[in-house]
Amino acid sequence: MKDKFIKKLETVDFQHRECLMKKFRDLNLAVSDYTFANVYLFRQISNYQFLQADCGLFISGKNKKGKQYVMPLNDLRSCDMDIFNELLDKHGFFFPIPEEWLSFFPQDKYEATADDGETDYIYLTENMAMMKGGKYSRHRNHLNQFLSMHEAQAQAISKNNLPDAANILNQWQKDSQFTREKTDFAQCAEALDKFIELALWGTIYYIENQPAGFIIGEPLNTDTFVLHFAKASIKYHGIYQFMFSDTAKKLMDEYKYLNLEEDMGNTNLRKTKTSYFPETLIKKYHVIRKV
């Protein structure tokens, strides 16, 4: 059989920004992995490289367990089974595959599984903004405590206040009591360093003229905004509730949903994200060949 696979291209880097942003816009998915910022910021950890096959472009990567996978960048209906099989034989499994793509893989030949730790949390922006009703009473109490004690000033993140955001990140890292290798410090620091070039959106908050917290995100698709990073000083009780609510209020006229990404299997993070009552959970599937 003639090889359908053509070649491995260069490692994914900033020079591919326009190409990847167009690919992701065309796919119009609600899965948080499909943004240039996420691919770029995690390029070294995941060892992202381009693959070129007859039916289009893919990215190969490695997950936290060191296993190889392939991330499609085009409509899989243009690929035949020979291409699927060769990519899987050489590069492990397809990931992250949204549920709407599972029909491209015949069930008698392929198996799809999902890890709860990789599932995206999706919220109604209006609910996050208003936090109305009994189910939000705990978060609303924290928010009201914050508002009763502090008057926060919000500024759009720009080159003028990026050093203040970096100071918040450094303090957050110290407060975490983990090493930098155990947190997303490096990725968040690079997001700040290349904030403008990555076309990110964000807000920094000050309390009594002192930098206290920030949120960074970007549009994911036509009706969903993804929040990549939320960092704040622990000395301001309720500041996270305030930042989420304020961010949602800023975005609710344009975006119906907020994607707060995955919990990575972290129990505390899962409890926190669940406590905001997601509207839905988006599973990201691994697809392998059946033996």
C-alpha atoms as a PDB file:
ATOM      1  CA  MET A   1       0.000   0.000   0.000  1.00  0.00           C
ATOM      2  CA  LYS A   2       1.317   3.438  -0.930  1.00  0.00           C
ATOM      3  CA  ASP A   3       2.077   5.639   2.048  1.00  0.00           C
ATOM      4  CA  LYS A   4      -0.621   8.243   2.545  1.00  0.00           C
ATOM      5  CA  PHE A   5       1.497   9.940   5.173  1.00  0.00           C
ATOM      6  CA  ILE A   6       3.811  12.496   3.604  1.00  0.00           C
ATOM      7  CA  LYS A   7       6.199  13.936   6.187  1.00  0.00           C
ATOM      8  CA  LYS A   8       6.770  15.486   9.556  1.00  0.00           C
ATOM      9  CA  LEU A   9       7.173  19.246   9.337  1.00  0.00           C
ATOM     10  CA  GLU A  10       8.762  21.687  11.737  1.00  0.00           C
ATOM     11  CA  THR A  11       7.967  22.098  15.423  1.00  0.00           C
ATOM     12  CA  VAL A  12       4.956  24.328  16.068  1.00  0.00           C
ATOM     13  CA  ASP A  13       6.071  27.868  16.891  1.00  0.00           C
ATOM     14  CA  PHE A  14       4.972  31.486  16.700  1.00  0.00           C
ATOM     15  CA  GLN A  15       5.548  31.690  12.948  1.00  0.00           C
ATOM     16  CA  HIS A  16       2.510  29.404  12.504  1.00  0.00           C
ATOM     17  CA  ARG A  17       0.132  31.752  14.319  1.00  0.00           C
ATOM     18  CA  GLU A  18      -1.890  32.914  11.303  1.00  0.00           C
ATOM     19  CA  CYS A  19      -2.157  29.429   9.813  1.00  0.00           C
ATOM     20  CA  LEU A  20      -3.367  27.849  13.044  1.00  0.00           C
ATOM     21  CA  MET A  21      -5.728  30.669  13.958  1.00  0.00           C
ATOM     22  CA  LYS A  22      -7.418  30.295  10.582  1.00  0.00           C
ATOM     23  CA  LYS A  23      -7.644  26.519  11.013  1.00  0.00           C
ATOM     24  CA  PHE A  24      -9.282  26.900  14.418  1.00  0.00           C
ATOM     25  CA  ARG A  25     -11.699  29.586  13.205  1.00  0.00           C
ATOM     26  CA  ASP A  26     -12.791  27.313  10.360  1.00  0.00           C
ATOM     27  CA  LEU A  27     -13.338  24.359  12.725  1.00  0.00           C
ATOM     28  CA  ASN A  28     -15.413  26.577  15.082  1.00  0.00           C
ATOM     29  CA  LEU A  29     -15.218  24.076  17.951  1.00  0.00           C
ATOM     30  CA  ALA A  30     -16.067  24.593  21.628  1.00  0.00           C
ATOM     31  CA  VAL A  31     -13.096  22.470  22.766  1.00  0.00           C
ATOM     32  CA  SER A  32     -10.529  24.587  24.614  1.00  0.00           C
ATOM     33  CA  ASP A  33      -7.490  22.871  23.077  1.00  0.00           C
ATOM     34  CA  TYR A  34      -8.277  24.321  19.659  1.00  0.00           C
ATOM     35  CA  THR A  35      -6.765  27.784  20.124  1.00  0.00           C
ATOM     36  CA  PHE A  36      -3.363  28.990  19.001  1.00  0.00           C
ATOM     37  CA  ALA A  37      -2.550  30.288  22.487  1.00  0.00           C
ATOM     38  CA  ASN A  38      -3.071  26.856  24.050  1.00  0.00           C
ATOM     39  CA  VAL A  39      -1.043  25.091  21.374  1.00  0.00           C
ATOM     40  CA  TYR A  40       1.754  27.668  21.513  1.00  0.00           C
ATOM     41  CA  LEU A  41       1.996  27.976  25.306  1.00  0.00           C
ATOM     42  CA  PHE A  42       2.125  24.203  25.792  1.00  0.00           C
ATOM     43  CA  ARG A  43       4.267  23.473  22.720  1.00  0.00           C
ATOM     44  CA  GLN A  44       7.345  22.404  24.674  1.00  0.00           C
ATOM     45  CA  ILE A  45       5.582  20.244  27.270  1.00  0.00           C
ATOM     46  CA  SER A  46       3.578  18.526  24.520  1.00  0.00           C
ATOM     47  CA  ASN A  47       6.357  18.538  21.891  1.00  0.00           C
ATOM     48  CA  TYR A  48       3.942  19.716  19.199  1.00  0.00           C
ATOM     49  CA  GLN A  49       4.988  19.104  15.592  1.00  0.00           C
ATOM     50  CA  PHE A  50       3.135  19.409  12.313  1.00  0.00           C
ATOM     51  CA  LEU A  51       2.240  16.332  10.292  1.00  0.00           C
ATOM     52  CA  GLN A  52       1.217  16.578   6.638  1.00  0.00           C
ATOM     53  CA  ALA A  53      -1.022  13.847   5.214  1.00  0.00           C
ATOM     54  CA  ASP A  54      -2.818  13.605   1.879  1.00  0.00           C
ATOM     55  CA  CYS A  55      -6.035  14.879   3.429  1.00  0.00           C
ATOM     56  CA  GLY A  56      -4.599  17.824   5.346  1.00  0.00           C
ATOM     57  CA  LEU A  57      -2.624  19.025   8.324  1.00  0.00           C
ATOM     58  CA  PHE A  58      -2.322  17.458  11.777  1.00  0.00           C
ATOM     59  CA  ILE A  59      -0.335  18.117  14.936  1.00  0.00           C
ATOM     60  CA  SER A  60       1.481  15.350  16.773  1.00  0.00           C
ATOM     61  CA  GLY A  61       2.042  15.688  20.496  1.00  0.00           C
ATOM     62  CA  LYS A  62       2.694  13.881  23.755  1.00  0.00           C
ATOM     63  CA  ASN A  63       0.400  13.835  26.767  1.00  0.00           C
ATOM     64  CA  LYS A  64       1.429  14.018  30.439  1.00  0.00           C
ATOM     65  CA  LYS A  65       2.070  10.273  30.452  1.00  0.00           C
ATOM     66  CA  GLY A  66       4.441  10.555  27.484  1.00  0.00           C
ATOM     67  CA  LYS A  67       2.061   8.864  25.051  1.00  0.00           C
ATOM     68  CA  GLN A  68       1.883  10.137  21.480  1.00  0.00           C
ATOM     69  CA  TYR A  69      -1.323  11.432  19.921  1.00  0.00           C
ATOM     70  CA  VAL A  70      -2.517  13.242  16.807  1.00  0.00           C
ATOM     71  CA  MET A  71      -4.625  16.420  16.819  1.00  0.00           C
ATOM     72  CA  PRO A  72      -6.617  16.934  13.581  1.00  0.00           C
ATOM     73  CA  LEU A  73      -6.675  20.427  12.072  1.00  0.00           C
ATOM     74  CA  ASN A  74      -9.197  19.787   9.319  1.00  0.00           C
ATOM     75  CA  ASP A  75     -12.510  18.116   8.540  1.00  0.00           C
ATOM     76  CA  LEU A  76     -11.866  14.390   8.928  1.00  0.00           C
ATOM     77  CA  ARG A  77     -14.484  13.516   6.328  1.00  0.00           C
ATOM     78  CA  SER A  78     -11.831  14.255   3.702  1.00  0.00           C
ATOM     79  CA  CYS A  79      -9.641  11.418   5.037  1.00  0.00           C
ATOM     80  CA  ASP A  80      -9.966   7.751   4.167  1.00  0.00           C
ATOM     81  CA  MET A  81      -9.359   4.847   6.540  1.00  0.00           C
ATOM     82  CA  ASP A  82      -5.861   4.186   5.185  1.00  0.00           C
ATOM     83  CA  ILE A  83      -4.755   7.634   6.317  1.00  0.00           C
ATOM     84  CA  PHE A  84      -6.387   7.168   9.719  1.00  0.00           C
ATOM     85  CA  ASN A  85      -4.676   3.839  10.181  1.00  0.00           C
ATOM     86  CA  GLU A  86      -1.233   5.038   9.174  1.00  0.00           C
ATOM     87  CA  LEU A  87      -1.423   8.062  11.429  1.00  0.00           C
ATOM     88  CA  LEU A  88      -2.539   5.887  14.338  1.00  0.00           C
ATOM     89  CA  ASP A  89       0.113   3.239  13.650  1.00  0.00           C
ATOM     90  CA  LYS A  90       2.870   5.859  13.752  1.00  0.00           C
ATOM     91  CA  HIS A  91       1.531   8.371  16.251  1.00  0.00           C
ATOM     92  CA  GLY A  92      -0.601   6.586  18.841  1.00  0.00           C
ATOM     93  CA  PHE A  93      -4.167   7.885  19.009  1.00  0.00           C
ATOM     94  CA  PHE A  94      -6.360  10.780  17.900  1.00  0.00           C
ATOM     95  CA  PHE A  95      -7.002  13.447  20.539  1.00  0.00           C
ATOM     96  CA  PRO A  96      -8.874  15.640  21.371  1.00  0.00           C
ATOM     97  CA  ILE A  97     -11.812  14.439  19.306  1.00  0.00           C
ATOM     98  CA  PRO A  98     -15.131  16.231  19.990  1.00  0.00           C
ATOM     99  CA  GLU A  99     -18.257  14.111  20.197  1.00  0.00           C
ATOM    100  CA  GLU A 100     -19.591  15.426  16.896  1.00  0.00           C
ATOM    101  CA  TRP A 101     -16.580  13.883  15.091  1.00  0.00           C
ATOM    102  CA  LEU A 102     -17.043  10.359  16.469  1.00  0.00           C
ATOM    103  CA  SER A 103     -19.297   9.457  13.537  1.00  0.00           C
ATOM    104  CA  PHE A 104     -16.219   9.679  11.273  1.00  0.00           C
ATOM    105  CA  PHE A 105     -14.823   6.556  12.948  1.00  0.00           C
ATOM    106  CA  PRO A 106     -16.716   3.284  12.278  1.00  0.00           C
ATOM    107  CA  GLN A 107     -17.438   1.609  15.618  1.00  0.00           C
ATOM    108  CA  ASP A 108     -16.412  -1.809  14.350  1.00  0.00           C
ATOM    109  CA  LYS A 109     -12.897  -0.541  13.584  1.00  0.00           C
ATOM    110  CA  TYR A 110     -12.217   2.186  16.181  1.00  0.00           C
ATOM    111  CA  GLU A 111     -12.741   2.649  19.895  1.00  0.00           C
ATOM    112  CA  ALA A 112     -13.412   6.010  21.594  1.00  0.00           C
ATOM    113  CA  THR A 113     -12.811   6.731  25.284  1.00  0.00           C
ATOM    114  CA  ALA A 114     -12.783   9.909  27.386  1.00  0.00           C
ATOM    115  CA  ASP A 115     -10.977  10.880  30.592  1.00  0.00           C
ATOM    116  CA  ASP A 116     -13.031  12.974  33.028  1.00  0.00           C
ATOM    117  CA  GLY A 117      -9.912  14.976  33.910  1.00  0.00           C
ATOM    118  CA  GLU A 118      -9.726  16.222  30.309  1.00  0.00           C
ATOM    119  CA  THR A 119     -13.369  17.329  30.128  1.00  0.00           C
ATOM    120  CA  ASP A 120     -14.101  21.036  29.531  1.00  0.00           C
ATOM    121  CA  TYR A 121     -16.483  22.892  31.857  1.00  0.00           C
ATOM    122  CA  ILE A 122     -18.991  25.107  30.015  1.00  0.00           C
ATOM    123  CA  TYR A 123     -21.046  27.777  31.816  1.00  0.00           C
ATOM    124  CA  LEU A 124     -23.799  30.146  30.785  1.00  0.00           C
ATOM    125  CA  THR A 125     -22.138  33.550  30.828  1.00  0.00           C
ATOM    126  CA  GLU A 126     -25.259  35.146  32.304  1.00  0.00           C
ATOM    127  CA  ASN A 127     -25.281  32.708  35.225  1.00  0.00           C
ATOM    128  CA  MET A 128     -21.631  33.379  35.993  1.00  0.00           C
ATOM    129  CA  ALA A 129     -22.269  37.115  35.802  1.00  0.00           C
ATOM    130  CA  MET A 130     -25.308  37.280  38.069  1.00  0.00           C
ATOM    131  CA  MET A 131     -24.915  34.211  40.319  1.00  0.00           C
ATOM    132  CA  LYS A 132     -28.643  34.273  41.060  1.00  0.00           C
ATOM    133  CA  GLY A 133     -30.634  31.623  42.901  1.00  0.00           C
ATOM    134  CA  GLY A 134     -30.096  29.320  45.836  1.00  0.00           C
ATOM    135  CA  LYS A 135     -27.464  27.142  44.190  1.00  0.00           C
ATOM    136  CA  TYR A 136     -25.108  30.125  43.957  1.00  0.00           C
ATOM    137  CA  SER A 137     -25.686  31.282  47.550  1.00  0.00           C
ATOM    138  CA  ARG A 138     -22.214  30.280  48.758  1.00  0.00           C
ATOM    139  CA  HIS A 139     -20.416  32.028  45.917  1.00  0.00           C
ATOM    140  CA  ARG A 140     -22.732  35.024  46.210  1.00  0.00           C
ATOM    141  CA  ASN A 141     -21.917  35.280  49.930  1.00  0.00           C
ATOM    142  CA  HIS A 142     -18.190  35.297  49.155  1.00  0.00           C
ATOM    143  CA  LEU A 143     -18.780  37.898  46.460  1.00  0.00           C
ATOM    144  CA  ASN A 144     -20.807  40.120  48.797  1.00  0.00           C
ATOM    145  CA  GLN A 145     -18.133  39.840  51.491  1.00  0.00           C
ATOM    146  CA  PHE A 146     -15.538  40.964  48.974  1.00  0.00           C
ATOM    147  CA  LEU A 147     -17.673  43.890  47.805  1.00  0.00           C
ATOM    148  CA  SER A 148     -18.340  44.977  51.393  1.00  0.00           C
ATOM    149  CA  MET A 149     -14.629  45.134  52.184  1.00  0.00           C
ATOM    150  CA  HIS A 150     -13.007  46.222  48.938  1.00  0.00           C
ATOM    151  CA  GLU A 151     -13.512  48.570  46.027  1.00  0.00           C
ATOM    152  CA  ALA A 152     -11.735  47.035  43.065  1.00  0.00           C
ATOM    153  CA  GLN A 153     -10.635  48.975  40.000  1.00  0.00           C
ATOM    154  CA  ALA A 154     -10.506  47.106  36.691  1.00  0.00           C
ATOM    155  CA  GLN A 155      -8.158  47.857  33.819  1.00  0.00           C
ATOM    156  CA  ALA A 156      -7.818  46.098  30.483  1.00  0.00           C
ATOM    157  CA  ILE A 157      -4.475  44.314  30.409  1.00  0.00           C
ATOM    158  CA  SER A 158      -2.019  46.243  28.261  1.00  0.00           C
ATOM    159  CA  LYS A 159       1.733  46.755  27.970  1.00  0.00           C
ATOM    160  CA  ASN A 160       1.452  49.445  30.649  1.00  0.00           C
ATOM    161  CA  ASN A 161       0.239  47.123  33.403  1.00  0.00           C
ATOM    162  CA  LEU A 162       1.796  43.814  32.354  1.00  0.00           C
ATOM    163  CA  PRO A 163       4.524  44.193  35.042  1.00  0.00           C
ATOM    164  CA  ASP A 164       1.771  44.401  37.674  1.00  0.00           C
ATOM    165  CA  ALA A 165       0.197  41.215  36.308  1.00  0.00           C
ATOM    166  CA  ALA A 166       3.601  39.517  36.492  1.00  0.00           C
ATOM    167  CA  ASN A 167       3.869  40.536  40.152  1.00  0.00           C
ATOM    168  CA  ILE A 168       0.462  38.979  40.836  1.00  0.00           C
ATOM    169  CA  LEU A 169       1.556  35.770  39.130  1.00  0.00           C
ATOM    170  CA  ASN A 170       4.754  35.607  41.183  1.00  0.00           C
ATOM    171  CA  GLN A 171       2.803  36.095  44.413  1.00  0.00           C
ATOM    172  CA  TRP A 172       0.237  33.496  43.346  1.00  0.00           C
ATOM    173  CA  GLN A 173       3.061  31.015  42.726  1.00  0.00           C
ATOM    174  CA  LYS A 174       4.485  31.632  46.206  1.00  0.00           C
ATOM    175  CA  ASP A 175       1.048  31.237  47.773  1.00  0.00           C
ATOM    176  CA  SER A 176       0.499  27.939  45.943  1.00  0.00           C
ATOM    177  CA  GLN A 177       3.302  26.220  47.904  1.00  0.00           C
ATOM    178  CA  PHE A 178       4.101  24.132  44.832  1.00  0.00           C
ATOM    179  CA  THR A 179       7.189  24.264  42.633  1.00  0.00           C
ATOM    180  CA  ARG A 180       6.810  26.033  39.303  1.00  0.00           C
ATOM    181  CA  GLU A 181       7.041  22.684  37.535  1.00  0.00           C
ATOM    182  CA  LYS A 182       3.868  21.568  39.310  1.00  0.00           C
ATOM    183  CA  THR A 183       1.797  24.596  38.241  1.00  0.00           C
ATOM    184  CA  ASP A 184       1.048  26.478  35.018  1.00  0.00           C
ATOM    185  CA  PHE A 185       3.350  29.327  36.064  1.00  0.00           C
ATOM    186  CA  ALA A 186       5.613  29.092  33.000  1.00  0.00           C
ATOM    187  CA  GLN A 187       2.697  29.052  30.548  1.00  0.00           C
ATOM    188  CA  CYS A 188       0.955  31.963  32.267  1.00  0.00           C
ATOM    189  CA  ALA A 189       4.203  33.950  32.410  1.00  0.00           C
ATOM    190  CA  GLU A 190       4.696  33.475  28.665  1.00  0.00           C
ATOM    191  CA  ALA A 191       1.068  34.423  28.025  1.00  0.00           C
ATOM    192  CA  LEU A 192       1.776  37.717  29.790  1.00  0.00           C
ATOM    193  CA  ASP A 193       5.076  38.190  27.991  1.00  0.00           C
ATOM    194  CA  LYS A 194       3.414  37.677  24.586  1.00  0.00           C
ATOM    195  CA  PHE A 195      -0.029  38.955  25.553  1.00  0.00           C
ATOM    196  CA  ILE A 196      -0.389  41.340  22.604  1.00  0.00           C
ATOM    197  CA  GLU A 197       1.213  39.023  20.029  1.00  0.00           C
ATOM    198  CA  LEU A 198      -1.094  36.168  21.060  1.00  0.00           C
ATOM    199  CA  ALA A 199      -4.138  38.445  20.663  1.00  0.00           C
ATOM    200  CA  LEU A 200      -5.318  37.625  24.186  1.00  0.00           C
ATOM    201  CA  TRP A 201      -7.939  39.505  26.179  1.00  0.00           C
ATOM    202  CA  GLY A 202      -7.774  40.167  29.890  1.00  0.00           C
ATOM    203  CA  THR A 203      -8.501  42.340  32.889  1.00  0.00           C
ATOM    204  CA  ILE A 204      -6.278  43.234  35.825  1.00  0.00           C
ATOM    205  CA  TYR A 205      -7.807  44.286  39.147  1.00  0.00           C
ATOM    206  CA  TYR A 206      -6.401  46.722  41.697  1.00  0.00           C
ATOM    207  CA  ILE A 207      -7.390  47.188  45.333  1.00  0.00           C
ATOM    208  CA  GLU A 208      -6.220  50.416  46.979  1.00  0.00           C
ATOM    209  CA  ASN A 209      -3.918  50.880  43.962  1.00  0.00           C
ATOM    210  CA  GLN A 210      -2.250  47.517  44.582  1.00  0.00           C
ATOM    211  CA  PRO A 211      -2.395  44.802  41.889  1.00  0.00           C
ATOM    212  CA  ALA A 212      -4.642  42.050  43.251  1.00  0.00           C
ATOM    213  CA  GLY A 213      -5.686  39.687  40.455  1.00  0.00           C
ATOM    214  CA  PHE A 214      -6.154  39.122  36.738  1.00  0.00           C
ATOM    215  CA  ILE A 215      -8.030  36.977  34.223  1.00  0.00           C
ATOM    216  CA  ILE A 216      -6.830  36.095  30.706  1.00  0.00           C
ATOM    217  CA  GLY A 217      -8.779  34.468  27.883  1.00  0.00           C
ATOM    218  CA  GLU A 218      -9.791  34.680  24.237  1.00  0.00           C
ATOM    219  CA  PRO A 219     -12.706  33.906  21.904  1.00  0.00           C
ATOM    220  CA  LEU A 220     -13.007  30.178  21.279  1.00  0.00           C
ATOM    221  CA  ASN A 221     -15.786  30.145  18.697  1.00  0.00           C
ATOM    222  CA  THR A 222     -18.694  32.349  17.676  1.00  0.00           C
ATOM    223  CA  ASP A 223     -20.578  31.997  20.971  1.00  0.00           C
ATOM    224  CA  THR A 224     -17.982  30.768  23.481  1.00  0.00           C
ATOM    225  CA  PHE A 225     -15.148  32.554  25.271  1.00  0.00           C
ATOM    226  CA  VAL A 226     -12.414  30.501  26.949  1.00  0.00           C
ATOM    227  CA  LEU A 227     -10.699  31.609  30.166  1.00  0.00           C
ATOM    228  CA  HIS A 228      -7.098  30.392  30.207  1.00  0.00           C
ATOM    229  CA  PHE A 229      -5.762  31.873  33.449  1.00  0.00           C
ATOM    230  CA  ALA A 230      -7.225  33.364  36.644  1.00  0.00           C
ATOM    231  CA  LYS A 231      -4.656  34.406  39.270  1.00  0.00           C
ATOM    232  CA  ALA A 232      -5.139  36.459  42.427  1.00  0.00           C
ATOM    233  CA  SER A 233      -3.739  37.141  45.877  1.00  0.00           C
ATOM    234  CA  ILE A 234      -5.222  34.893  48.572  1.00  0.00           C
ATOM    235  CA  LYS A 235      -5.397  37.789  51.026  1.00  0.00           C
ATOM    236  CA  TYR A 236      -8.529  39.132  49.285  1.00  0.00           C
ATOM    237  CA  HIS A 237     -11.364  36.809  50.294  1.00  0.00           C
ATOM    238  CA  GLY A 238     -13.917  36.436  47.505  1.00  0.00           C
ATOM    239  CA  ILE A 239     -11.745  37.940  44.789  1.00  0.00           C
ATOM    240  CA  TYR A 240     -12.135  34.952  42.453  1.00  0.00           C
ATOM    241  CA  GLN A 241     -15.929  35.163  42.653  1.00  0.00           C
ATOM    242  CA  PHE A 242     -15.644  38.862  41.914  1.00  0.00           C
ATOM    243  CA  MET A 243     -13.302  38.383  38.952  1.00  0.00           C
ATOM    244  CA  PHE A 244     -15.439  35.646  37.387  1.00  0.00           C
ATOM    245  CA  SER A 245     -18.624  37.679  37.824  1.00  0.00           C
ATOM    246  CA  ASP A 246     -17.075  40.879  36.503  1.00  0.00           C
ATOM    247  CA  THR A 247     -15.515  39.094  33.525  1.00  0.00           C
ATOM    248  CA  ALA A 248     -18.824  37.436  32.658  1.00  0.00           C
ATOM    249  CA  LYS A 249     -20.602  40.798  32.810  1.00  0.00           C
ATOM    250  CA  LYS A 250     -18.073  42.217  30.369  1.00  0.00           C
ATOM    251  CA  LEU A 251     -18.567  39.308  27.952  1.00  0.00           C
ATOM    252  CA  MET A 252     -22.253  38.381  28.257  1.00  0.00           C
ATOM    253  CA  ASP A 253     -23.513  40.629  25.461  1.00  0.00           C
ATOM    254  CA  GLU A 254     -21.228  38.900  22.955  1.00  0.00           C
ATOM    255  CA  TYR A 255     -20.711  35.358  24.228  1.00  0.00           C
ATOM    256  CA  LYS A 256     -23.388  32.988  25.504  1.00  0.00           C
ATOM    257  CA  TYR A 257     -20.946  30.547  27.068  1.00  0.00           C
ATOM    258  CA  LEU A 258     -17.724  30.539  29.067  1.00  0.00           C
ATOM    259  CA  ASN A 259     -15.313  27.617  28.801  1.00  0.00           C
ATOM    260  CA  LEU A 260     -13.196  27.230  31.953  1.00  0.00           C
ATOM    261  CA  GLU A 261     -11.187  24.376  30.481  1.00  0.00           C
ATOM    262  CA  GLU A 262     -10.463  21.093  32.276  1.00  0.00           C
ATOM    263  CA  ASP A 263      -9.632  20.137  35.851  1.00  0.00           C
ATOM    264  CA  MET A 264      -6.685  17.861  34.917  1.00  0.00           C
ATOM    265  CA  GLY A 265      -7.870  15.298  37.439  1.00  0.00           C
ATOM    266  CA  ASN A 266      -7.173  17.693  40.326  1.00  0.00           C
ATOM    267  CA  THR A 267      -9.790  16.962  43.009  1.00  0.00           C
ATOM    268  CA  ASN A 268      -9.821  20.480  44.468  1.00  0.00           C
ATOM    269  CA  LEU A 269     -10.043  22.077  41.039  1.00  0.00           C
ATOM    270  CA  ARG A 270     -12.878  19.701  40.127  1.00  0.00           C
ATOM    271  CA  LYS A 271     -14.816  20.685  43.260  1.00  0.00           C
ATOM    272  CA  THR A 272     -14.321  24.378  42.505  1.00  0.00           C
ATOM    273  CA  LYS A 273     -15.393  24.147  38.867  1.00  0.00           C
ATOM    274  CA  THR A 274     -18.359  21.947  39.713  1.00  0.00           C
ATOM    275  CA  SER A 275     -19.477  24.412  42.396  1.00  0.00           C
ATOM    276  CA  TYR A 276     -20.172  27.032  39.706  1.00  0.00           C
ATOM    277  CA  PHE A 277     -22.721  24.658  38.131  1.00  0.00           C
ATOM    278  CA  PRO A 278     -21.604  24.140  34.544  1.00  0.00           C
ATOM    279  CA  GLU A 279     -24.319  24.157  31.916  1.00  0.00           C
ATOM    280  CA  THR A 280     -22.652  21.211  30.206  1.00  0.00           C
ATOM    281  CA  LEU A 281     -19.423  19.231  30.099  1.00  0.00           C
ATOM    282  CA  ILE A 282     -17.592  18.687  26.836  1.00  0.00           C
ATOM    283  CA  LYS A 283     -15.779  15.393  26.637  1.00  0.00           C
ATOM    284  CA  LYS A 284     -12.621  15.096  24.563  1.00  0.00           C
ATOM    285  CA  TYR A 285     -12.235  11.638  23.139  1.00  0.00           C
ATOM    286  CA  HIS A 286      -9.233   9.418  22.503  1.00  0.00           C
ATOM    287  CA  VAL A 287      -9.721   7.342  19.357  1.00  0.00           C
ATOM    288  CA  ILE A 288      -7.678   4.193  18.794  1.00  0.00           C
ATOM    289  CA  ARG A 289      -7.815   1.270  16.380  1.00  0.00           C
ATOM    290  CA  LYS A 290      -9.483  -1.881  17.641  1.00  0.00           C
ATOM    291  CA  VAL A 291      -7.170  -4.841  17.844  1.00  0.00           C
END
